[in-house]
Amino acid sequence: QVQLVESGGGLVQAGGSLRLACAASGNIRSITAMGWYRQVPGKQRELVATVTSGGITNYGDSVKGRFTISRDNAKNMMYLQMNSLKPEDTAVYYCDLWLLGFNHYWGQGTQVTVSS
C-alpha cells in the first residue's frame, strides 16, 4: 500500500507564495515519476508539474516560470514552490506517484486559495 499526503495549502494574496509538500510512504519501490495536478469544481484535473526519477521536469503552460517542482528522494518527499500566485491558481492540488509496473497513486489533495 502507498500513501501520499499533501500539505502546505492555504489562503494567500495574489502575488504571494506557497510551498506545497507531498510525503510518500508505504511500499515505495522503483518510483518512476511524481507530479502535481490541480482541479477546480466542474473542471477536469489539469497538469501542474511532473518530475521523473531522472530529474526531468515538465510544467503546465499556465505555471511555467512561476512554479518549481522538486524532490528529495532520500526523504520520499516532493515539493511545489509556487510564486507570483494568481486568483486563477485557486484549486485543490493533488500529488501523484507512478511506480514501475504502472501502479498509480493519488493523494487526498490540499486546497490553495488565492485572493485578489
C-alpha atoms as a PDB file:
ATOM      1  CA  GLN A   1       0.000   0.000   0.000  1.00  0.00           C
ATOM      2  CA  VAL A   2       1.172   3.506  -0.823  1.00  0.00           C
ATOM      3  CA  GLN A   3       0.108   6.691   0.931  1.00  0.00           C
ATOM      4  CA  LEU A   4       0.546  10.221  -0.338  1.00  0.00           C
ATOM      5  CA  VAL A   5      -0.147  13.136   1.974  1.00  0.00           C
ATOM      6  CA  GLU A   6      -0.136  16.726   0.756  1.00  0.00           C
ATOM      7  CA  SER A   7       0.400  19.717   2.997  1.00  0.00           C
ATOM      8  CA  GLY A   8       1.121  23.417   2.754  1.00  0.00           C
ATOM      9  CA  GLY A   9      -2.071  24.654   1.176  1.00  0.00           C
ATOM     10  CA  GLY A  10      -3.901  27.705   2.442  1.00  0.00           C
ATOM     11  CA  LEU A  11      -5.071  31.212   1.699  1.00  0.00           C
ATOM     12  CA  VAL A  12      -2.674  33.712   0.156  1.00  0.00           C
ATOM     13  CA  GLN A  13      -2.996  37.052  -1.564  1.00  0.00           C
ATOM     14  CA  ALA A  14      -2.311  37.437  -5.245  1.00  0.00           C
ATOM     15  CA  GLY A  15       1.402  37.844  -5.870  1.00  0.00           C
ATOM     16  CA  GLY A  16       2.274  35.772  -2.835  1.00  0.00           C
ATOM     17  CA  SER A  17       3.953  32.402  -2.494  1.00  0.00           C
ATOM     18  CA  LEU A  18       3.192  28.999  -1.064  1.00  0.00           C
ATOM     19  CA  ARG A  19       5.178  25.794  -0.848  1.00  0.00           C
ATOM     20  CA  LEU A  20       3.313  22.521  -1.076  1.00  0.00           C
ATOM     21  CA  ALA A  21       4.770  19.256   0.150  1.00  0.00           C
ATOM     22  CA  CYS A  22       3.863  15.667  -0.636  1.00  0.00           C
ATOM     23  CA  ALA A  23       5.023  12.887   1.665  1.00  0.00           C
ATOM     24  CA  ALA A  24       5.109   9.391   0.215  1.00  0.00           C
ATOM     25  CA  SER A  25       5.118   6.307   2.408  1.00  0.00           C
ATOM     26  CA  GLY A  26       4.364   2.610   2.302  1.00  0.00           C
ATOM     27  CA  ASN A  27       5.510   0.073  -0.236  1.00  0.00           C
ATOM     28  CA  ILE A  28       7.505   2.516  -2.342  1.00  0.00           C
ATOM     29  CA  ARG A  29       9.991   0.983  -4.675  1.00  0.00           C
ATOM     30  CA  SER A  30      11.053   1.980  -8.148  1.00  0.00           C
ATOM     31  CA  ILE A  31       9.311   5.339  -8.350  1.00  0.00           C
ATOM     32  CA  THR A  32       9.292   6.382 -11.985  1.00  0.00           C
ATOM     33  CA  ALA A  33       7.642   9.770 -11.686  1.00  0.00           C
ATOM     34  CA  MET A  34       5.780  12.086  -9.348  1.00  0.00           C
ATOM     35  CA  GLY A  35       3.700  15.105 -10.071  1.00  0.00           C
ATOM     36  CA  TRP A  36       1.282  17.804  -9.057  1.00  0.00           C
ATOM     37  CA  TYR A  37      -2.156  18.299 -10.557  1.00  0.00           C
ATOM     38  CA  ARG A  38      -4.970  20.668  -9.668  1.00  0.00           C
ATOM     39  CA  GLN A  39      -8.702  20.710 -10.012  1.00  0.00           C
ATOM     40  CA  VAL A  40     -11.494  23.212  -9.594  1.00  0.00           C
ATOM     41  CA  PRO A  41     -15.148  22.192  -9.316  1.00  0.00           C
ATOM     42  CA  GLY A  42     -16.706  21.393 -12.646  1.00  0.00           C
ATOM     43  CA  LYS A  43     -13.409  21.149 -14.490  1.00  0.00           C
ATOM     44  CA  GLN A  44     -11.025  18.354 -15.330  1.00  0.00           C
ATOM     45  CA  ARG A  45      -7.934  17.799 -13.289  1.00  0.00           C
ATOM     46  CA  GLU A  46      -5.039  19.547 -15.005  1.00  0.00           C
ATOM     47  CA  LEU A  47      -1.298  19.104 -15.039  1.00  0.00           C
ATOM     48  CA  VAL A  48       0.741  21.462 -12.897  1.00  0.00           C
ATOM     49  CA  ALA A  49       4.168  19.833 -12.949  1.00  0.00           C
ATOM     50  CA  THR A  50       5.846  16.445 -13.059  1.00  0.00           C
ATOM     51  CA  VAL A  51       9.318  15.150 -12.314  1.00  0.00           C
ATOM     52  CA  THR A  52      10.764  11.809 -13.337  1.00  0.00           C
ATOM     53  CA  SER A  53      13.119   9.656 -11.345  1.00  0.00           C
ATOM     54  CA  GLY A  54      15.874  11.025 -13.553  1.00  0.00           C
ATOM     55  CA  GLY A  55      15.015  14.596 -12.647  1.00  0.00           C
ATOM     56  CA  ILE A  56      13.332  15.610 -15.882  1.00  0.00           C
ATOM     57  CA  THR A  57      10.624  18.169 -15.199  1.00  0.00           C
ATOM     58  CA  ASN A  58       7.567  19.215 -17.130  1.00  0.00           C
ATOM     59  CA  TYR A  59       5.220  22.107 -16.389  1.00  0.00           C
ATOM     60  CA  GLY A  60       1.780  23.144 -17.436  1.00  0.00           C
ATOM     61  CA  ASP A  61       1.808  26.243 -19.612  1.00  0.00           C
ATOM     62  CA  SER A  62      -0.081  28.321 -17.071  1.00  0.00           C
ATOM     63  CA  VAL A  63       2.542  27.867 -14.344  1.00  0.00           C
ATOM     64  CA  LYS A  64       5.793  27.924 -16.297  1.00  0.00           C
ATOM     65  CA  GLY A  65       8.226  30.419 -14.833  1.00  0.00           C
ATOM     66  CA  ARG A  66       6.253  30.738 -11.585  1.00  0.00           C
ATOM     67  CA  PHE A  67       6.185  27.235 -10.087  1.00  0.00           C
ATOM     68  CA  THR A  68       9.074  24.892  -9.376  1.00  0.00           C
ATOM     69  CA  ILE A  69       8.795  21.187  -8.670  1.00  0.00           C
ATOM     70  CA  SER A  70      11.465  19.346  -6.711  1.00  0.00           C
ATOM     71  CA  ARG A  71      12.050  16.017  -4.992  1.00  0.00           C
ATOM     72  CA  ASP A  72      14.016  14.800  -2.012  1.00  0.00           C
ATOM     73  CA  ASN A  73      14.480  11.146  -2.850  1.00  0.00           C
ATOM     74  CA  ALA A  74      16.133  10.318   0.459  1.00  0.00           C
ATOM     75  CA  LYS A  75      13.066  11.531   2.360  1.00  0.00           C
ATOM     76  CA  ASN A  76      10.445  10.401  -0.176  1.00  0.00           C
ATOM     77  CA  MET A  77       9.231  13.969  -0.395  1.00  0.00           C
ATOM     78  CA  MET A  78       8.140  16.146  -3.276  1.00  0.00           C
ATOM     79  CA  TYR A  79       7.619  19.890  -3.230  1.00  0.00           C
ATOM     80  CA  LEU A  80       5.952  22.563  -5.298  1.00  0.00           C
ATOM     81  CA  GLN A  81       7.200  26.102  -4.828  1.00  0.00           C
ATOM     82  CA  MET A  82       4.529  28.459  -6.099  1.00  0.00           C
ATOM     83  CA  ASN A  83       5.447  32.092  -6.641  1.00  0.00           C
ATOM     84  CA  SER A  84       3.578  35.036  -8.121  1.00  0.00           C
ATOM     85  CA  LEU A  85       0.297  33.339  -7.366  1.00  0.00           C
ATOM     86  CA  LYS A  86      -2.811  34.432  -9.224  1.00  0.00           C
ATOM     87  CA  PRO A  87      -6.501  34.023  -8.334  1.00  0.00           C
ATOM     88  CA  GLU A  88      -6.799  31.538 -11.202  1.00  0.00           C
ATOM     89  CA  ASP A  89      -4.351  29.276  -9.367  1.00  0.00           C
ATOM     90  CA  THR A  90      -7.078  28.622  -6.814  1.00  0.00           C
ATOM     91  CA  ALA A  91      -7.775  24.890  -6.805  1.00  0.00           C
ATOM     92  CA  VAL A  92      -7.342  21.658  -4.919  1.00  0.00           C
ATOM     93  CA  TYR A  93      -3.814  20.467  -5.550  1.00  0.00           C
ATOM     94  CA  TYR A  94      -3.092  16.747  -5.713  1.00  0.00           C
ATOM     95  CA  CYS A  95       0.169  14.880  -5.809  1.00  0.00           C
ATOM     96  CA  ASP A  96       0.538  11.659  -7.708  1.00  0.00           C
ATOM     97  CA  LEU A  97       3.099   8.906  -7.948  1.00  0.00           C
ATOM     98  CA  TRP A  98       3.915   6.269 -10.535  1.00  0.00           C
ATOM     99  CA  LEU A  99       5.730   3.077  -9.678  1.00  0.00           C
ATOM    100  CA  LEU A 100       7.469   0.700 -12.058  1.00  0.00           C
ATOM    101  CA  GLY A 101       4.741  -1.533 -13.440  1.00  0.00           C
ATOM    102  CA  PHE A 102       2.368   1.388 -13.991  1.00  0.00           C
ATOM    103  CA  ASN A 103       0.928   1.415 -10.493  1.00  0.00           C
ATOM    104  CA  HIS A 104      -0.511   4.882  -9.931  1.00  0.00           C
ATOM    105  CA  TYR A 105      -1.499   6.619  -6.709  1.00  0.00           C
ATOM    106  CA  TRP A 106      -3.103   9.932  -5.714  1.00  0.00           C
ATOM    107  CA  GLY A 107      -3.034  11.951  -2.550  1.00  0.00           C
ATOM    108  CA  GLN A 108      -6.151  13.372  -0.927  1.00  0.00           C
ATOM    109  CA  GLY A 109      -5.469  16.942  -2.034  1.00  0.00           C
ATOM    110  CA  THR A 110      -4.810  20.276  -0.385  1.00  0.00           C
ATOM    111  CA  GLN A 111      -6.755  23.469  -1.008  1.00  0.00           C
ATOM    112  CA  VAL A 112      -4.967  26.538  -2.333  1.00  0.00           C
ATOM    113  CA  THR A 113      -6.946  29.769  -2.407  1.00  0.00           C
ATOM    114  CA  VAL A 114      -5.517  32.953  -3.907  1.00  0.00           C
ATOM    115  CA  SER A 115      -7.406  36.130  -3.138  1.00  0.00           C
ATOM    116  CA  SER A 116      -7.351  39.133  -5.432  1.00  0.00           C
END
